[in-house]
N, C-alpha and C. Protein backbone atom coordinates (compact mmCIF):
# COMPACT_ATOMS: atom_id res chain seq x y z
N MET A 1 0.84 -1.17 0.00
CA MET A 1 0.00 0.00 0.00
C MET A 1 0.89 1.23 0.00
N MET A 2 0.49 2.23 -0.78
CA MET A 2 1.30 3.43 -0.91
C MET A 2 1.20 4.30 0.33
N GLU A 3 2.27 4.97 0.62
CA GLU A 3 2.28 5.94 1.71
C GLU A 3 1.48 7.15 1.26
N GLN A 4 0.48 7.54 2.03
CA GLN A 4 -0.36 8.66 1.63
C GLN A 4 0.14 9.93 2.30
N PRO A 5 0.17 11.04 1.54
CA PRO A 5 0.60 12.30 2.13
C PRO A 5 -0.44 12.79 3.13
N ASP A 6 0.03 13.53 4.07
CA ASP A 6 -0.85 14.10 5.09
C ASP A 6 -1.61 15.27 4.47
N VAL A 7 -2.95 15.13 4.36
CA VAL A 7 -3.75 16.18 3.76
C VAL A 7 -4.67 16.85 4.77
N ARG A 8 -4.32 16.74 6.04
CA ARG A 8 -5.11 17.40 7.06
C ARG A 8 -4.91 18.90 6.95
N PRO A 9 -5.96 19.69 7.15
CA PRO A 9 -5.82 21.14 7.06
C PRO A 9 -4.92 21.67 8.18
N ALA A 10 -4.14 22.64 7.82
CA ALA A 10 -3.28 23.28 8.81
C ALA A 10 -4.11 24.22 9.66
N ALA A 11 -3.54 24.65 10.77
CA ALA A 11 -4.25 25.59 11.64
C ALA A 11 -4.46 26.90 10.90
N PRO A 12 -5.61 27.56 11.06
CA PRO A 12 -5.87 28.83 10.40
C PRO A 12 -4.79 29.85 10.76
N THR A 13 -4.43 30.66 9.75
CA THR A 13 -3.34 31.60 9.97
C THR A 13 -3.81 33.03 10.13
N GLY A 14 -5.08 33.31 9.93
CA GLY A 14 -5.56 34.68 10.06
C GLY A 14 -5.58 35.35 8.69
N VAL A 15 -6.10 36.58 8.65
CA VAL A 15 -6.31 37.27 7.39
C VAL A 15 -5.24 38.32 7.13
N ALA A 16 -4.57 38.79 8.10
CA ALA A 16 -3.65 39.92 7.95
C ALA A 16 -2.43 39.54 7.12
N GLY A 17 -1.92 40.53 6.36
CA GLY A 17 -0.65 40.39 5.66
C GLY A 17 -0.63 39.40 4.52
N GLY A 18 -1.74 39.23 3.80
CA GLY A 18 -1.75 38.33 2.65
C GLY A 18 -1.77 36.86 3.02
N SER A 19 -1.95 36.51 4.28
CA SER A 19 -1.95 35.10 4.67
C SER A 19 -3.18 34.37 4.15
N LEU A 20 -4.25 35.10 3.83
CA LEU A 20 -5.45 34.47 3.27
C LEU A 20 -5.14 33.85 1.91
N GLU A 21 -4.39 34.58 1.08
CA GLU A 21 -4.02 34.05 -0.22
C GLU A 21 -3.13 32.81 -0.07
N ALA A 22 -2.23 32.85 0.89
CA ALA A 22 -1.36 31.70 1.13
C ALA A 22 -2.19 30.50 1.59
N ARG A 23 -3.17 30.74 2.43
CA ARG A 23 -4.04 29.66 2.91
C ARG A 23 -4.85 29.06 1.76
N VAL A 24 -5.35 29.91 0.87
CA VAL A 24 -6.11 29.42 -0.28
C VAL A 24 -5.21 28.55 -1.16
N ARG A 25 -3.97 28.99 -1.40
CA ARG A 25 -3.03 28.18 -2.20
C ARG A 25 -2.75 26.84 -1.53
N GLU A 26 -2.62 26.87 -0.21
CA GLU A 26 -2.36 25.64 0.55
C GLU A 26 -3.54 24.67 0.42
N LEU A 27 -4.76 25.18 0.55
CA LEU A 27 -5.95 24.34 0.43
C LEU A 27 -6.11 23.80 -1.00
N GLU A 28 -5.79 24.62 -1.99
CA GLU A 28 -5.85 24.16 -3.38
C GLU A 28 -4.84 23.03 -3.62
N GLU A 29 -3.68 23.12 -3.03
CA GLU A 29 -2.67 22.07 -3.16
C GLU A 29 -3.15 20.78 -2.49
N GLN A 30 -3.77 20.90 -1.33
CA GLN A 30 -4.31 19.72 -0.66
C GLN A 30 -5.40 19.07 -1.51
N LEU A 31 -6.26 19.89 -2.12
CA LEU A 31 -7.31 19.36 -3.00
C LEU A 31 -6.69 18.65 -4.20
N ARG A 32 -5.66 19.20 -4.77
CA ARG A 32 -4.97 18.58 -5.90
C ARG A 32 -4.42 17.21 -5.48
N GLN A 33 -3.83 17.13 -4.28
CA GLN A 33 -3.27 15.86 -3.80
C GLN A 33 -4.36 14.81 -3.60
N VAL A 34 -5.49 15.22 -3.07
CA VAL A 34 -6.60 14.28 -2.86
C VAL A 34 -7.10 13.77 -4.21
N ARG A 35 -7.26 14.67 -5.17
CA ARG A 35 -7.73 14.26 -6.50
C ARG A 35 -6.72 13.33 -7.17
N GLU A 36 -5.44 13.59 -6.96
CA GLU A 36 -4.40 12.73 -7.52
C GLU A 36 -4.47 11.34 -6.92
N GLN A 37 -4.69 11.27 -5.60
CA GLN A 37 -4.82 9.96 -4.94
C GLN A 37 -6.03 9.21 -5.47
N GLN A 38 -7.13 9.92 -5.71
CA GLN A 38 -8.32 9.27 -6.25
C GLN A 38 -8.02 8.69 -7.62
N GLY A 39 -7.27 9.41 -8.42
CA GLY A 39 -6.90 8.93 -9.74
C GLY A 39 -6.03 7.69 -9.66
N GLN A 40 -5.15 7.60 -8.67
CA GLN A 40 -4.28 6.44 -8.50
C GLN A 40 -5.08 5.21 -8.11
N ARG A 41 -6.19 5.39 -7.42
CA ARG A 41 -7.04 4.25 -7.03
C ARG A 41 -7.92 3.80 -8.18
N GLY A 42 -7.88 4.53 -9.29
CA GLY A 42 -8.67 4.13 -10.45
C GLY A 42 -10.14 4.45 -10.31
N ARG A 43 -10.53 5.22 -9.33
CA ARG A 43 -11.92 5.62 -9.12
C ARG A 43 -12.87 4.43 -9.10
N ARG A 44 -12.42 3.29 -8.66
CA ARG A 44 -13.32 2.15 -8.57
C ARG A 44 -14.15 2.25 -7.29
N PRO A 45 -15.37 1.69 -7.31
CA PRO A 45 -16.21 1.78 -6.13
C PRO A 45 -15.52 1.14 -4.92
N GLY A 46 -15.60 1.79 -3.81
CA GLY A 46 -15.00 1.26 -2.59
C GLY A 46 -13.51 1.51 -2.49
N GLY A 47 -12.92 2.20 -3.44
CA GLY A 47 -11.49 2.45 -3.42
C GLY A 47 -11.05 3.22 -2.18
N LEU A 48 -11.85 4.21 -1.81
CA LEU A 48 -11.51 4.99 -0.63
C LEU A 48 -11.60 4.13 0.62
N LEU A 49 -12.67 3.32 0.73
CA LEU A 49 -12.81 2.45 1.90
C LEU A 49 -11.67 1.43 1.97
N GLN A 50 -11.26 0.93 0.81
CA GLN A 50 -10.17 -0.04 0.82
C GLN A 50 -8.88 0.58 1.33
N SER A 51 -8.70 1.85 1.06
CA SER A 51 -7.47 2.49 1.54
C SER A 51 -7.56 2.84 3.02
N ILE A 52 -8.76 2.90 3.56
CA ILE A 52 -8.94 3.30 4.97
C ILE A 52 -9.08 2.10 5.89
N LEU A 53 -9.88 1.10 5.46
CA LEU A 53 -10.20 -0.04 6.33
C LEU A 53 -9.07 -1.05 6.36
N PRO A 54 -8.82 -1.63 7.53
CA PRO A 54 -7.81 -2.69 7.62
C PRO A 54 -8.29 -3.94 6.87
N PRO A 55 -7.36 -4.77 6.41
CA PRO A 55 -7.73 -5.97 5.66
C PRO A 55 -8.70 -6.90 6.40
N GLU A 56 -8.52 -7.04 7.71
CA GLU A 56 -9.41 -7.92 8.48
C GLU A 56 -10.84 -7.40 8.45
N THR A 57 -11.02 -6.09 8.56
CA THR A 57 -12.35 -5.49 8.51
C THR A 57 -12.99 -5.72 7.15
N ARG A 58 -12.21 -5.52 6.08
CA ARG A 58 -12.73 -5.75 4.73
C ARG A 58 -13.17 -7.20 4.57
N GLY A 59 -12.42 -8.13 5.15
CA GLY A 59 -12.79 -9.55 5.09
C GLY A 59 -14.12 -9.82 5.77
N HIS A 60 -14.31 -9.21 6.94
CA HIS A 60 -15.59 -9.38 7.66
C HIS A 60 -16.75 -8.80 6.84
N LEU A 61 -16.53 -7.65 6.22
CA LEU A 61 -17.59 -7.03 5.43
C LEU A 61 -17.94 -7.89 4.21
N ARG A 62 -16.94 -8.50 3.57
CA ARG A 62 -17.21 -9.40 2.45
C ARG A 62 -18.01 -10.62 2.91
N ALA A 63 -17.65 -11.16 4.07
CA ALA A 63 -18.36 -12.33 4.61
C ALA A 63 -19.81 -11.96 4.94
N ALA A 64 -20.02 -10.78 5.47
CA ALA A 64 -21.39 -10.34 5.79
C ALA A 64 -22.21 -10.16 4.51
N GLN A 65 -21.58 -9.62 3.48
CA GLN A 65 -22.29 -9.46 2.20
C GLN A 65 -22.68 -10.83 1.64
N ARG A 66 -21.78 -11.79 1.73
CA ARG A 66 -22.06 -13.15 1.25
C ARG A 66 -23.24 -13.74 2.01
N GLU A 67 -23.28 -13.54 3.32
CA GLU A 67 -24.39 -14.07 4.13
C GLU A 67 -25.71 -13.43 3.73
N ARG A 68 -25.71 -12.13 3.45
CA ARG A 68 -26.95 -11.47 3.01
C ARG A 68 -27.43 -12.08 1.69
N LEU A 69 -26.51 -12.32 0.77
CA LEU A 69 -26.89 -12.92 -0.51
C LEU A 69 -27.42 -14.34 -0.33
N LEU A 70 -26.81 -15.10 0.57
CA LEU A 70 -27.30 -16.45 0.84
C LEU A 70 -28.70 -16.42 1.44
N ALA A 71 -28.98 -15.42 2.27
CA ALA A 71 -30.32 -15.29 2.86
C ALA A 71 -31.35 -15.03 1.76
N VAL A 72 -31.02 -14.15 0.84
CA VAL A 72 -31.95 -13.87 -0.27
C VAL A 72 -32.14 -15.12 -1.12
N ARG A 73 -31.05 -15.85 -1.36
CA ARG A 73 -31.15 -17.09 -2.14
C ARG A 73 -32.10 -18.07 -1.48
N SER A 74 -32.03 -18.19 -0.14
CA SER A 74 -32.90 -19.14 0.55
C SER A 74 -34.37 -18.74 0.42
N LEU A 75 -34.66 -17.44 0.42
CA LEU A 75 -36.03 -16.98 0.21
C LEU A 75 -36.53 -17.33 -1.19
N VAL A 76 -35.69 -17.11 -2.18
CA VAL A 76 -36.06 -17.44 -3.56
C VAL A 76 -36.26 -18.94 -3.71
N ASP A 77 -35.37 -19.74 -3.15
CA ASP A 77 -35.50 -21.19 -3.23
C ASP A 77 -36.81 -21.67 -2.59
N ALA A 78 -37.17 -21.09 -1.45
CA ALA A 78 -38.42 -21.47 -0.77
C ALA A 78 -39.63 -21.11 -1.64
N ALA A 79 -39.60 -19.94 -2.28
CA ALA A 79 -40.71 -19.54 -3.14
C ALA A 79 -40.84 -20.48 -4.33
N ILE A 80 -39.72 -20.89 -4.90
CA ILE A 80 -39.73 -21.83 -6.02
C ILE A 80 -40.31 -23.17 -5.57
N LYS A 81 -39.90 -23.63 -4.41
CA LYS A 81 -40.37 -24.92 -3.89
C LYS A 81 -41.88 -24.88 -3.67
N ARG A 82 -42.40 -23.79 -3.09
CA ARG A 82 -43.85 -23.66 -2.88
C ARG A 82 -44.59 -23.70 -4.21
N THR A 83 -44.04 -23.02 -5.20
CA THR A 83 -44.68 -22.99 -6.52
C THR A 83 -44.70 -24.37 -7.14
N GLU A 84 -43.61 -25.12 -7.02
CA GLU A 84 -43.55 -26.45 -7.60
C GLU A 84 -44.45 -27.44 -6.88
N GLN A 85 -44.69 -27.24 -5.58
CA GLN A 85 -45.50 -28.17 -4.79
C GLN A 85 -46.99 -27.85 -4.87
N GLN A 86 -47.33 -26.71 -5.39
CA GLN A 86 -48.74 -26.30 -5.47
C GLN A 86 -49.47 -27.24 -6.42
N PRO A 87 -50.58 -27.80 -6.00
CA PRO A 87 -51.32 -28.73 -6.86
C PRO A 87 -51.72 -28.08 -8.18
N LYS A 88 -51.71 -28.88 -9.25
CA LYS A 88 -52.07 -28.36 -10.56
C LYS A 88 -53.50 -27.84 -10.59
N ALA A 89 -54.40 -28.52 -9.89
CA ALA A 89 -55.80 -28.10 -9.87
C ALA A 89 -55.93 -26.69 -9.30
N GLU A 90 -55.17 -26.43 -8.24
CA GLU A 90 -55.22 -25.10 -7.63
C GLU A 90 -54.69 -24.04 -8.59
N ARG A 91 -53.64 -24.38 -9.31
CA ARG A 91 -53.10 -23.43 -10.28
C ARG A 91 -54.11 -23.18 -11.40
N ALA A 92 -54.80 -24.24 -11.84
CA ALA A 92 -55.79 -24.09 -12.89
C ALA A 92 -56.95 -23.23 -12.41
N GLU A 93 -57.36 -23.42 -11.16
CA GLU A 93 -58.45 -22.64 -10.59
C GLU A 93 -58.09 -21.15 -10.56
N ARG A 94 -56.87 -20.86 -10.15
CA ARG A 94 -56.44 -19.46 -10.12
C ARG A 94 -56.42 -18.87 -11.52
N ALA A 95 -56.05 -19.67 -12.51
CA ALA A 95 -56.01 -19.17 -13.88
C ALA A 95 -57.41 -18.88 -14.40
N GLN A 96 -58.43 -19.63 -13.93
CA GLN A 96 -59.80 -19.43 -14.40
C GLN A 96 -60.50 -18.28 -13.69
N ARG A 97 -59.93 -17.76 -12.65
CA ARG A 97 -60.57 -16.68 -11.89
C ARG A 97 -60.58 -15.35 -12.63
N ALA A 98 -59.94 -15.29 -13.75
CA ALA A 98 -59.87 -14.03 -14.47
C ALA A 98 -61.28 -13.55 -14.79
N GLU A 99 -61.53 -12.28 -14.58
CA GLU A 99 -62.84 -11.72 -14.81
C GLU A 99 -62.74 -10.72 -15.96
N SER A 100 -63.86 -10.59 -16.65
CA SER A 100 -63.88 -9.59 -17.71
C SER A 100 -64.51 -8.32 -17.16
N MET A 101 -64.04 -7.23 -17.70
CA MET A 101 -64.57 -5.93 -17.26
C MET A 101 -65.01 -5.17 -18.50
N ARG A 102 -66.10 -4.52 -18.36
CA ARG A 102 -66.60 -3.71 -19.48
C ARG A 102 -65.99 -2.32 -19.36
N ILE A 103 -65.37 -1.89 -20.42
CA ILE A 103 -64.74 -0.56 -20.43
C ILE A 103 -65.54 0.34 -21.33
N GLU A 104 -65.96 1.44 -20.81
CA GLU A 104 -66.79 2.38 -21.58
C GLU A 104 -65.93 3.45 -22.20
């Protein structure tokens, strides 16, 4: 992992004697550095989090995401099973329930 420059804002210097212009230049330089770092990460989703979070934390988050997906899969599987077990007569009855409506 690359060593990241310190981009924390410096203490305010006050307005007197042109220090405001110096502060603006300093903040613009910090913004340039942040944008440069974003470009180095390739702007991929989660790039910032990957640079901040420790590897162990990222592993736990991936495992949690996998568990959420498995939970959704189990719901879908149960719905499929119920549909397959539903008697054909009941399915036919539901299909015949269609009603006609007169539209004026």
